[in-house]
Amino acid sequence: MGETIRPHNKPLNNLLNGSTDGFMLHDRCWGTYIHGILDNSIVVDDLLRPYSDKIGHTTFDYSRFKEQQYDKLADHFRQHVNMDLLYNELRC
């Protein structure tokens, strides 16, 4: 957790408990402490909107992409780590 000190009061989020979170400088520059916010496709689409003229409008499955990246990481880990040794150590 952190504390945002902002030059003017322009929070990114208004939370249900009445508090605020983060800071929004403009549509291409903001920050937040909300964990997992980039797992929300609406947020990612909004972030990429200013660049859509450069990348075109495409439908992108963020969840599937994330799972593919985890699978690649797991495959890489299995290739370079002695898994039998690791599992034996975990059983102790």
PDB file of N, CA and C in Angstrom:
ATOM      1  N   MET A   1       0.847  -1.171   0.000  1.00  0.00           N
ATOM      2  CA  MET A   1       0.000   0.000   0.000  1.00  0.00           C
ATOM      3  C   MET A   1       0.888   1.228   0.000  1.00  0.00           C
ATOM      4  N   GLY A   2       0.367   2.240  -0.548  1.00  0.00           N
ATOM      5  CA  GLY A   2       1.081   3.500  -0.600  1.00  0.00           C
ATOM      6  C   GLY A   2       0.134   4.630  -0.309  1.00  0.00           C
ATOM      7  N   GLU A   3       0.665   5.798  -0.368  1.00  0.00           N
ATOM      8  CA  GLU A   3      -0.149   6.998  -0.175  1.00  0.00           C
ATOM      9  C   GLU A   3       0.166   7.938  -1.322  1.00  0.00           C
ATOM     10  N   THR A   4      -0.865   8.358  -2.012  1.00  0.00           N
ATOM     11  CA  THR A   4      -0.689   9.258  -3.136  1.00  0.00           C
ATOM     12  C   THR A   4      -0.807  10.696  -2.654  1.00  0.00           C
ATOM     13  N   ILE A   5       0.229  11.463  -2.921  1.00  0.00           N
ATOM     14  CA  ILE A   5       0.186  12.896  -2.627  1.00  0.00           C
ATOM     15  C   ILE A   5       0.052  13.589  -3.969  1.00  0.00           C
ATOM     16  N   ARG A   6      -1.062  14.238  -4.182  1.00  0.00           N
ATOM     17  CA  ARG A   6      -1.345  14.822  -5.481  1.00  0.00           C
ATOM     18  C   ARG A   6      -1.446  16.347  -5.401  1.00  0.00           C
ATOM     19  N   PRO A   7      -1.047  16.997  -6.491  1.00  0.00           N
ATOM     20  CA  PRO A   7      -1.086  18.457  -6.491  1.00  0.00           C
ATOM     21  C   PRO A   7      -2.501  19.020  -6.509  1.00  0.00           C
ATOM     22  N   HIS A   8      -3.447  18.256  -7.011  1.00  0.00           N
ATOM     23  CA  HIS A   8      -4.857  18.649  -6.955  1.00  0.00           C
ATOM     24  C   HIS A   8      -5.683  17.383  -6.801  1.00  0.00           C
ATOM     25  N   ASN A   9      -6.893  17.530  -6.368  1.00  0.00           N
ATOM     26  CA  ASN A   9      -7.706  16.363  -6.045  1.00  0.00           C
ATOM     27  C   ASN A   9      -8.397  15.827  -7.296  1.00  0.00           C
ATOM     28  N   LYS A  10      -7.750  14.879  -7.951  1.00  0.00           N
ATOM     29  CA  LYS A  10      -8.355  14.208  -9.093  1.00  0.00           C
ATOM     30  C   LYS A  10      -8.109  12.706  -8.944  1.00  0.00           C
ATOM     31  N   PRO A  11      -8.845  12.062  -8.023  1.00  0.00           N
ATOM     32  CA  PRO A  11      -8.633  10.631  -7.807  1.00  0.00           C
ATOM     33  C   PRO A  11      -9.075   9.821  -9.013  1.00  0.00           C
ATOM     34  N   LEU A  12      -8.460   8.664  -9.190  1.00  0.00           N
ATOM     35  CA  LEU A  12      -8.822   7.760 -10.265  1.00  0.00           C
ATOM     36  C   LEU A  12     -10.102   7.003  -9.923  1.00  0.00           C
ATOM     37  N   ASN A  13     -10.224   6.583  -8.661  1.00  0.00           N
ATOM     38  CA  ASN A  13     -11.350   5.754  -8.242  1.00  0.00           C
ATOM     39  C   ASN A  13     -12.020   6.334  -7.013  1.00  0.00           C
ATOM     40  N   ASN A  14     -13.335   6.254  -6.988  1.00  0.00           N
ATOM     41  CA  ASN A  14     -14.115   6.550  -5.796  1.00  0.00           C
ATOM     42  C   ASN A  14     -14.613   5.216  -5.272  1.00  0.00           C
ATOM     43  N   LEU A  15     -14.171   4.853  -4.082  1.00  0.00           N
ATOM     44  CA  LEU A  15     -14.474   3.540  -3.520  1.00  0.00           C
ATOM     45  C   LEU A  15     -15.815   3.545  -2.795  1.00  0.00           C
ATOM     46  N   LEU A  16     -16.369   2.352  -2.584  1.00  0.00           N
ATOM     47  CA  LEU A  16     -17.682   2.217  -1.960  1.00  0.00           C
ATOM     48  C   LEU A  16     -17.729   2.794  -0.550  1.00  0.00           C
ATOM     49  N   ASN A  17     -16.597   2.778   0.160  1.00  0.00           N
ATOM     50  CA  ASN A  17     -16.583   3.294   1.529  1.00  0.00           C
ATOM     51  C   ASN A  17     -16.426   4.811   1.582  1.00  0.00           C
ATOM     52  N   GLY A  18     -16.447   5.461   0.420  1.00  0.00           N
ATOM     53  CA  GLY A  18     -16.349   6.920   0.372  1.00  0.00           C
ATOM     54  C   GLY A  18     -14.936   7.443   0.203  1.00  0.00           C
ATOM     55  N   SER A  19     -13.940   6.568   0.343  1.00  0.00           N
ATOM     56  CA  SER A  19     -12.560   7.009   0.155  1.00  0.00           C
ATOM     57  C   SER A  19     -12.208   6.996  -1.334  1.00  0.00           C
ATOM     58  N   THR A  20     -11.045   7.534  -1.642  1.00  0.00           N
ATOM     59  CA  THR A  20     -10.596   7.563  -3.028  1.00  0.00           C
ATOM     60  C   THR A  20      -9.317   6.760  -3.174  1.00  0.00           C
ATOM     61  N   ASP A  21      -8.959   6.471  -4.408  1.00  0.00           N
ATOM     62  CA  ASP A  21      -7.757   5.697  -4.694  1.00  0.00           C
ATOM     63  C   ASP A  21      -7.085   6.281  -5.913  1.00  0.00           C
ATOM     64  N   GLY A  22      -5.764   6.302  -5.866  1.00  0.00           N
ATOM     65  CA  GLY A  22      -4.977   6.657  -7.029  1.00  0.00           C
ATOM     66  C   GLY A  22      -5.061   8.109  -7.424  1.00  0.00           C
ATOM     67  N   PHE A  23      -4.611   8.366  -8.634  1.00  0.00           N
ATOM     68  CA  PHE A  23      -4.554   9.719  -9.161  1.00  0.00           C
ATOM     69  C   PHE A  23      -4.651   9.666 -10.675  1.00  0.00           C
ATOM     70  N   MET A  24      -5.379  10.605 -11.246  1.00  0.00           N
ATOM     71  CA  MET A  24      -5.486  10.676 -12.700  1.00  0.00           C
ATOM     72  C   MET A  24      -4.988  12.033 -13.157  1.00  0.00           C
ATOM     73  N   LEU A  25      -3.832  12.031 -13.840  1.00  0.00           N
ATOM     74  CA  LEU A  25      -3.294  13.263 -14.395  1.00  0.00           C
ATOM     75  C   LEU A  25      -4.036  13.616 -15.678  1.00  0.00           C
ATOM     76  N   HIS A  26      -4.168  12.624 -16.583  1.00  0.00           N
ATOM     77  CA  HIS A  26      -4.978  12.737 -17.795  1.00  0.00           C
ATOM     78  C   HIS A  26      -5.242  11.326 -18.306  1.00  0.00           C
ATOM     79  N   ASP A  27      -5.927  11.195 -19.437  1.00  0.00           N
ATOM     80  CA  ASP A  27      -6.366   9.860 -19.880  1.00  0.00           C
ATOM     81  C   ASP A  27      -5.226   8.912 -20.202  1.00  0.00           C
ATOM     82  N   ARG A  28      -4.013   9.405 -20.348  1.00  0.00           N
ATOM     83  CA  ARG A  28      -2.872   8.532 -20.636  1.00  0.00           C
ATOM     84  C   ARG A  28      -1.870   8.455 -19.491  1.00  0.00           C
ATOM     85  N   CYS A  29      -2.206   9.034 -18.357  1.00  0.00           N
ATOM     86  CA  CYS A  29      -1.286   9.002 -17.212  1.00  0.00           C
ATOM     87  C   CYS A  29      -2.073   8.955 -15.914  1.00  0.00           C
ATOM     88  N   TRP A  30      -2.072   7.767 -15.301  1.00  0.00           N
ATOM     89  CA  TRP A  30      -2.730   7.607 -14.009  1.00  0.00           C
ATOM     90  C   TRP A  30      -2.112   6.438 -13.255  1.00  0.00           C
ATOM     91  N   GLY A  31      -2.391   6.390 -11.984  1.00  0.00           N
ATOM     92  CA  GLY A  31      -1.883   5.305 -11.149  1.00  0.00           C
ATOM     93  C   GLY A  31      -2.915   4.913 -10.119  1.00  0.00           C
ATOM     94  N   THR A  32      -2.815   3.677  -9.647  1.00  0.00           N
ATOM     95  CA  THR A  32      -3.759   3.164  -8.662  1.00  0.00           C
ATOM     96  C   THR A  32      -3.077   2.110  -7.797  1.00  0.00           C
ATOM     97  N   TYR A  33      -3.664   1.847  -6.654  1.00  0.00           N
ATOM     98  CA  TYR A  33      -3.183   0.791  -5.771  1.00  0.00           C
ATOM     99  C   TYR A  33      -4.068  -0.447  -5.845  1.00  0.00           C
ATOM    100  N   ILE A  34      -5.048  -0.462  -6.749  1.00  0.00           N
ATOM    101  CA  ILE A  34      -5.976  -1.580  -6.839  1.00  0.00           C
ATOM    102  C   ILE A  34      -5.292  -2.770  -7.511  1.00  0.00           C
ATOM    103  N   HIS A  35      -5.122  -3.841  -6.751  1.00  0.00           N
ATOM    104  CA  HIS A  35      -4.470  -5.048  -7.249  1.00  0.00           C
ATOM    105  C   HIS A  35      -5.342  -5.715  -8.305  1.00  0.00           C
ATOM    106  N   GLY A  36      -4.744  -6.080  -9.426  1.00  0.00           N
ATOM    107  CA  GLY A  36      -5.456  -6.801 -10.462  1.00  0.00           C
ATOM    108  C   GLY A  36      -6.248  -5.931 -11.421  1.00  0.00           C
ATOM    109  N   ILE A  37      -6.105  -4.617 -11.322  1.00  0.00           N
ATOM    110  CA  ILE A  37      -6.915  -3.746 -12.177  1.00  0.00           C
ATOM    111  C   ILE A  37      -6.629  -3.979 -13.658  1.00  0.00           C
ATOM    112  N   LEU A  38      -5.405  -4.411 -13.980  1.00  0.00           N
ATOM    113  CA  LEU A  38      -5.074  -4.656 -15.386  1.00  0.00           C
ATOM    114  C   LEU A  38      -5.587  -6.012 -15.882  1.00  0.00           C
ATOM    115  N   ASP A  39      -6.266  -6.766 -15.019  1.00  0.00           N
ATOM    116  CA  ASP A  39      -6.949  -7.979 -15.445  1.00  0.00           C
ATOM    117  C   ASP A  39      -8.352  -7.660 -15.965  1.00  0.00           C
ATOM    118  N   ASN A  40      -8.759  -6.419 -15.833  1.00  0.00           N
ATOM    119  CA  ASN A  40     -10.076  -5.978 -16.264  1.00  0.00           C
ATOM    120  C   ASN A  40      -9.973  -5.456 -17.693  1.00  0.00           C
ATOM    121  N   SER A  41     -10.612  -6.156 -18.639  1.00  0.00           N
ATOM    122  CA  SER A  41     -10.476  -5.787 -20.053  1.00  0.00           C
ATOM    123  C   SER A  41     -11.009  -4.394 -20.345  1.00  0.00           C
ATOM    124  N   ILE A  42     -11.996  -3.933 -19.599  1.00  0.00           N
ATOM    125  CA  ILE A  42     -12.518  -2.574 -19.803  1.00  0.00           C
ATOM    126  C   ILE A  42     -11.440  -1.548 -19.486  1.00  0.00           C
ATOM    127  N   VAL A  43     -10.694  -1.771 -18.422  1.00  0.00           N
ATOM    128  CA  VAL A  43      -9.612  -0.860 -18.043  1.00  0.00           C
ATOM    129  C   VAL A  43      -8.509  -0.875 -19.103  1.00  0.00           C
ATOM    130  N   VAL A  44      -8.111  -2.061 -19.544  1.00  0.00           N
ATOM    131  CA  VAL A  44      -7.048  -2.169 -20.551  1.00  0.00           C
ATOM    132  C   VAL A  44      -7.490  -1.516 -21.859  1.00  0.00           C
ATOM    133  N   ASP A  45      -8.730  -1.786 -22.278  1.00  0.00           N
ATOM    134  CA  ASP A  45      -9.231  -1.153 -23.499  1.00  0.00           C
ATOM    135  C   ASP A  45      -9.209   0.363 -23.380  1.00  0.00           C
ATOM    136  N   ASP A  46      -9.581   0.872 -22.218  1.00  0.00           N
ATOM    137  CA  ASP A  46      -9.569   2.317 -21.996  1.00  0.00           C
ATOM    138  C   ASP A  46      -8.143   2.873 -22.050  1.00  0.00           C
ATOM    139  N   LEU A  47      -7.198   2.125 -21.476  1.00  0.00           N
ATOM    140  CA  LEU A  47      -5.796   2.552 -21.531  1.00  0.00           C
ATOM    141  C   LEU A  47      -5.267   2.601 -22.959  1.00  0.00           C
ATOM    142  N   LEU A  48      -5.667   1.637 -23.772  1.00  0.00           N
ATOM    143  CA  LEU A  48      -5.156   1.549 -25.139  1.00  0.00           C
ATOM    144  C   LEU A  48      -5.911   2.432 -26.132  1.00  0.00           C
ATOM    145  N   ARG A  49      -7.063   2.967 -25.726  1.00  0.00           N
ATOM    146  CA  ARG A  49      -7.884   3.770 -26.638  1.00  0.00           C
ATOM    147  C   ARG A  49      -7.105   4.909 -27.308  1.00  0.00           C
ATOM    148  N   PRO A  50      -6.253   5.677 -26.605  1.00  0.00           N
ATOM    149  CA  PRO A  50      -5.522   6.755 -27.276  1.00  0.00           C
ATOM    150  C   PRO A  50      -4.577   6.262 -28.381  1.00  0.00           C
ATOM    151  N   TYR A  51      -4.267   4.974 -28.375  1.00  0.00           N
ATOM    152  CA  TYR A  51      -3.337   4.426 -29.361  1.00  0.00           C
ATOM    153  C   TYR A  51      -4.039   3.593 -30.421  1.00  0.00           C
ATOM    154  N   SER A  52      -5.352   3.532 -30.381  1.00  0.00           N
ATOM    155  CA  SER A  52      -6.093   2.649 -31.279  1.00  0.00           C
ATOM    156  C   SER A  52      -5.899   3.012 -32.743  1.00  0.00           C
ATOM    157  N   ASP A  53      -5.633   4.269 -33.053  1.00  0.00           N
ATOM    158  CA  ASP A  53      -5.395   4.628 -34.453  1.00  0.00           C
ATOM    159  C   ASP A  53      -4.098   4.006 -34.970  1.00  0.00           C
ATOM    160  N   LYS A  54      -3.167   3.703 -34.072  1.00  0.00           N
ATOM    161  CA  LYS A  54      -1.886   3.102 -34.463  1.00  0.00           C
ATOM    162  C   LYS A  54      -1.957   1.581 -34.522  1.00  0.00           C
ATOM    163  N   ILE A  55      -2.766   0.980 -33.648  1.00  0.00           N
ATOM    164  CA  ILE A  55      -2.819  -0.480 -33.574  1.00  0.00           C
ATOM    165  C   ILE A  55      -4.089  -1.056 -34.180  1.00  0.00           C
ATOM    166  N   GLY A  56      -5.033  -0.212 -34.516  1.00  0.00           N
ATOM    167  CA  GLY A  56      -6.299  -0.686 -35.073  1.00  0.00           C
ATOM    168  C   GLY A  56      -7.186  -1.248 -33.984  1.00  0.00           C
ATOM    169  N   HIS A  57      -8.424  -1.459 -34.319  1.00  0.00           N
ATOM    170  CA  HIS A  57      -9.358  -2.008 -33.335  1.00  0.00           C
ATOM    171  C   HIS A  57      -9.386  -3.522 -33.472  1.00  0.00           C
ATOM    172  N   THR A  58      -8.973  -4.208 -32.440  1.00  0.00           N
ATOM    173  CA  THR A  58      -8.996  -5.663 -32.436  1.00  0.00           C
ATOM    174  C   THR A  58      -9.626  -6.157 -31.152  1.00  0.00           C
ATOM    175  N   THR A  59     -10.193  -7.330 -31.208  1.00  0.00           N
ATOM    176  CA  THR A  59     -10.714  -7.974 -30.003  1.00  0.00           C
ATOM    177  C   THR A  59      -9.596  -8.837 -29.452  1.00  0.00           C
ATOM    178  N   PHE A  60      -9.343  -8.696 -28.175  1.00  0.00           N
ATOM    179  CA  PHE A  60      -8.221  -9.389 -27.557  1.00  0.00           C
ATOM    180  C   PHE A  60      -8.700 -10.072 -26.293  1.00  0.00           C
ATOM    181  N   ASP A  61      -8.403 -11.339 -26.142  1.00  0.00           N
ATOM    182  CA  ASP A  61      -8.797 -12.108 -24.963  1.00  0.00           C
ATOM    183  C   ASP A  61      -7.667 -12.021 -23.940  1.00  0.00           C
ATOM    184  N   TYR A  62      -7.766 -11.055 -23.031  1.00  0.00           N
ATOM    185  CA  TYR A  62      -6.702 -10.807 -22.051  1.00  0.00           C
ATOM    186  C   TYR A  62      -6.502 -11.998 -21.120  1.00  0.00           C
ATOM    187  N   SER A  63      -7.588 -12.607 -20.719  1.00  0.00           N
ATOM    188  CA  SER A  63      -7.500 -13.745 -19.797  1.00  0.00           C
ATOM    189  C   SER A  63      -6.762 -14.908 -20.458  1.00  0.00           C
ATOM    190  N   ARG A  64      -7.097 -15.197 -21.699  1.00  0.00           N
ATOM    191  CA  ARG A  64      -6.426 -16.285 -22.420  1.00  0.00           C
ATOM    192  C   ARG A  64      -4.941 -15.987 -22.608  1.00  0.00           C
ATOM    193  N   PHE A  65      -4.631 -14.754 -22.962  1.00  0.00           N
ATOM    194  CA  PHE A  65      -3.231 -14.352 -23.139  1.00  0.00           C
ATOM    195  C   PHE A  65      -2.452 -14.538 -21.833  1.00  0.00           C
ATOM    196  N   LYS A  66      -3.044 -14.122 -20.732  1.00  0.00           N
ATOM    197  CA  LYS A  66      -2.381 -14.245 -19.431  1.00  0.00           C
ATOM    198  C   LYS A  66      -2.113 -15.714 -19.102  1.00  0.00           C
ATOM    199  N   GLU A  67      -3.096 -16.578 -19.334  1.00  0.00           N
ATOM    200  CA  GLU A  67      -2.917 -18.008 -19.078  1.00  0.00           C
ATOM    201  C   GLU A  67      -1.828 -18.592 -19.966  1.00  0.00           C
ATOM    202  N   GLN A  68      -1.761 -18.160 -21.222  1.00  0.00           N
ATOM    203  CA  GLN A  68      -0.709 -18.633 -22.125  1.00  0.00           C
ATOM    204  C   GLN A  68       0.669 -18.232 -21.597  1.00  0.00           C
ATOM    205  N   GLN A  69       0.781 -17.033 -21.051  1.00  0.00           N
ATOM    206  CA  GLN A  69       2.062 -16.577 -20.512  1.00  0.00           C
ATOM    207  C   GLN A  69       2.451 -17.391 -19.282  1.00  0.00           C
ATOM    208  N   TYR A  70       1.481 -17.715 -18.430  1.00  0.00           N
ATOM    209  CA  TYR A  70       1.767 -18.567 -17.271  1.00  0.00           C
ATOM    210  C   TYR A  70       2.210 -19.960 -17.718  1.00  0.00           C
ATOM    211  N   ASP A  71       1.565 -20.481 -18.766  1.00  0.00           N
ATOM    212  CA  ASP A  71       1.951 -21.798 -19.292  1.00  0.00           C
ATOM    213  C   ASP A  71       3.384 -21.772 -19.825  1.00  0.00           C
ATOM    214  N   LYS A  72       3.748 -20.711 -20.525  1.00  0.00           N
ATOM    215  CA  LYS A  72       5.119 -20.578 -21.038  1.00  0.00           C
ATOM    216  C   LYS A  72       6.122 -20.518 -19.889  1.00  0.00           C
ATOM    217  N   LEU A  73       5.783 -19.770 -18.844  1.00  0.00           N
ATOM    218  CA  LEU A  73       6.660 -19.676 -17.682  1.00  0.00           C
ATOM    219  C   LEU A  73       6.819 -21.033 -17.012  1.00  0.00           C
ATOM    220  N   ALA A  74       5.712 -21.758 -16.856  1.00  0.00           N
ATOM    221  CA  ALA A  74       5.769 -23.087 -16.232  1.00  0.00           C
ATOM    222  C   ALA A  74       6.610 -24.043 -17.072  1.00  0.00           C
ATOM    223  N   ASP A  75       6.450 -24.007 -18.391  1.00  0.00           N
ATOM    224  CA  ASP A  75       7.259 -24.866 -19.268  1.00  0.00           C
ATOM    225  C   ASP A  75       8.742 -24.531 -19.140  1.00  0.00           C
ATOM    226  N   HIS A  76       9.061 -23.249 -19.118  1.00  0.00           N
ATOM    227  CA  HIS A  76      10.458 -22.820 -18.986  1.00  0.00           C
ATOM    228  C   HIS A  76      11.032 -23.286 -17.642  1.00  0.00           C
ATOM    229  N   PHE A  77      10.248 -23.143 -16.594  1.00  0.00           N
ATOM    230  CA  PHE A  77      10.669 -23.561 -15.257  1.00  0.00           C
ATOM    231  C   PHE A  77      10.955 -25.060 -15.235  1.00  0.00           C
ATOM    232  N   ARG A  78      10.041 -25.844 -15.820  1.00  0.00           N
ATOM    233  CA  ARG A  78      10.215 -27.308 -15.840  1.00  0.00           C
ATOM    234  C   ARG A  78      11.464 -27.729 -16.629  1.00  0.00           C
ATOM    235  N   GLN A  79      11.802 -26.976 -17.662  1.00  0.00           N
ATOM    236  CA  GLN A  79      12.979 -27.302 -18.472  1.00  0.00           C
ATOM    237  C   GLN A  79      14.279 -27.048 -17.722  1.00  0.00           C
ATOM    238  N   HIS A  80      14.268 -26.104 -16.800  1.00  0.00           N
ATOM    239  CA  HIS A  80      15.522 -25.658 -16.186  1.00  0.00           C
ATOM    240  C   HIS A  80      15.645 -25.964 -14.692  1.00  0.00           C
ATOM    241  N   VAL A  81      14.660 -26.661 -14.147  1.00  0.00           N
ATOM    242  CA  VAL A  81      14.694 -27.006 -12.723  1.00  0.00           C
ATOM    243  C   VAL A  81      14.517 -28.517 -12.592  1.00  0.00           C
ATOM    244  N   ASN A  82      15.262 -29.091 -11.688  1.00  0.00           N
ATOM    245  CA  ASN A  82      15.124 -30.512 -11.402  1.00  0.00           C
ATOM    246  C   ASN A  82      13.846 -30.696 -10.576  1.00  0.00           C
ATOM    247  N   MET A  83      12.760 -31.017 -11.259  1.00  0.00           N
ATOM    248  CA  MET A  83      11.458 -31.089 -10.599  1.00  0.00           C
ATOM    249  C   MET A  83      11.379 -32.227  -9.591  1.00  0.00           C
ATOM    250  N   ASP A  84      12.024 -33.380  -9.890  1.00  0.00           N
ATOM    251  CA  ASP A  84      12.018 -34.487  -8.928  1.00  0.00           C
ATOM    252  C   ASP A  84      12.657 -34.057  -7.612  1.00  0.00           C
ATOM    253  N   LEU A  85      13.781 -33.376  -7.708  1.00  0.00           N
ATOM    254  CA  LEU A  85      14.462 -32.881  -6.511  1.00  0.00           C
ATOM    255  C   LEU A  85      13.574 -31.883  -5.765  1.00  0.00           C
ATOM    256  N   LEU A  86      12.963 -30.986  -6.495  1.00  0.00           N
ATOM    257  CA  LEU A  86      12.090 -29.987  -5.872  1.00  0.00           C
ATOM    258  C   LEU A  86      10.932 -30.660  -5.135  1.00  0.00           C
ATOM    259  N   TYR A  87      10.264 -31.609  -5.794  1.00  0.00           N
ATOM    260  CA  TYR A  87       9.143 -32.300  -5.151  1.00  0.00           C
ATOM    261  C   TYR A  87       9.615 -33.099  -3.935  1.00  0.00           C
ATOM    262  N   ASN A  88      10.782 -33.723  -4.013  1.00  0.00           N
ATOM    263  CA  ASN A  88      11.313 -34.444  -2.856  1.00  0.00           C
ATOM    264  C   ASN A  88      11.564 -33.505  -1.690  1.00  0.00           C
ATOM    265  N   GLU A  89      12.119 -32.347  -1.951  1.00  0.00           N
ATOM    266  CA  GLU A  89      12.372 -31.374  -0.892  1.00  0.00           C
ATOM    267  C   GLU A  89      11.082 -30.841  -0.285  1.00  0.00           C
ATOM    268  N   LEU A  90      10.058 -30.699  -1.101  1.00  0.00           N
ATOM    269  CA  LEU A  90       8.782 -30.207  -0.586  1.00  0.00           C
ATOM    270  C   LEU A  90       8.081 -31.230   0.316  1.00  0.00           C
ATOM    271  N   ARG A  91       8.366 -32.499   0.109  1.00  0.00           N
ATOM    272  CA  ARG A  91       7.726 -33.545   0.921  1.00  0.00           C
ATOM    273  C   ARG A  91       8.322 -33.632   2.319  1.00  0.00           C
ATOM    274  N   CYS A  92       9.515 -33.109   2.536  1.00  0.00           N
ATOM    275  CA  CYS A  92      10.190 -33.221   3.836  1.00  0.00           C
ATOM    276  C   CYS A  92       9.528 -32.391   4.897  1.00  0.00           C
TER     277      CYS A  92
END
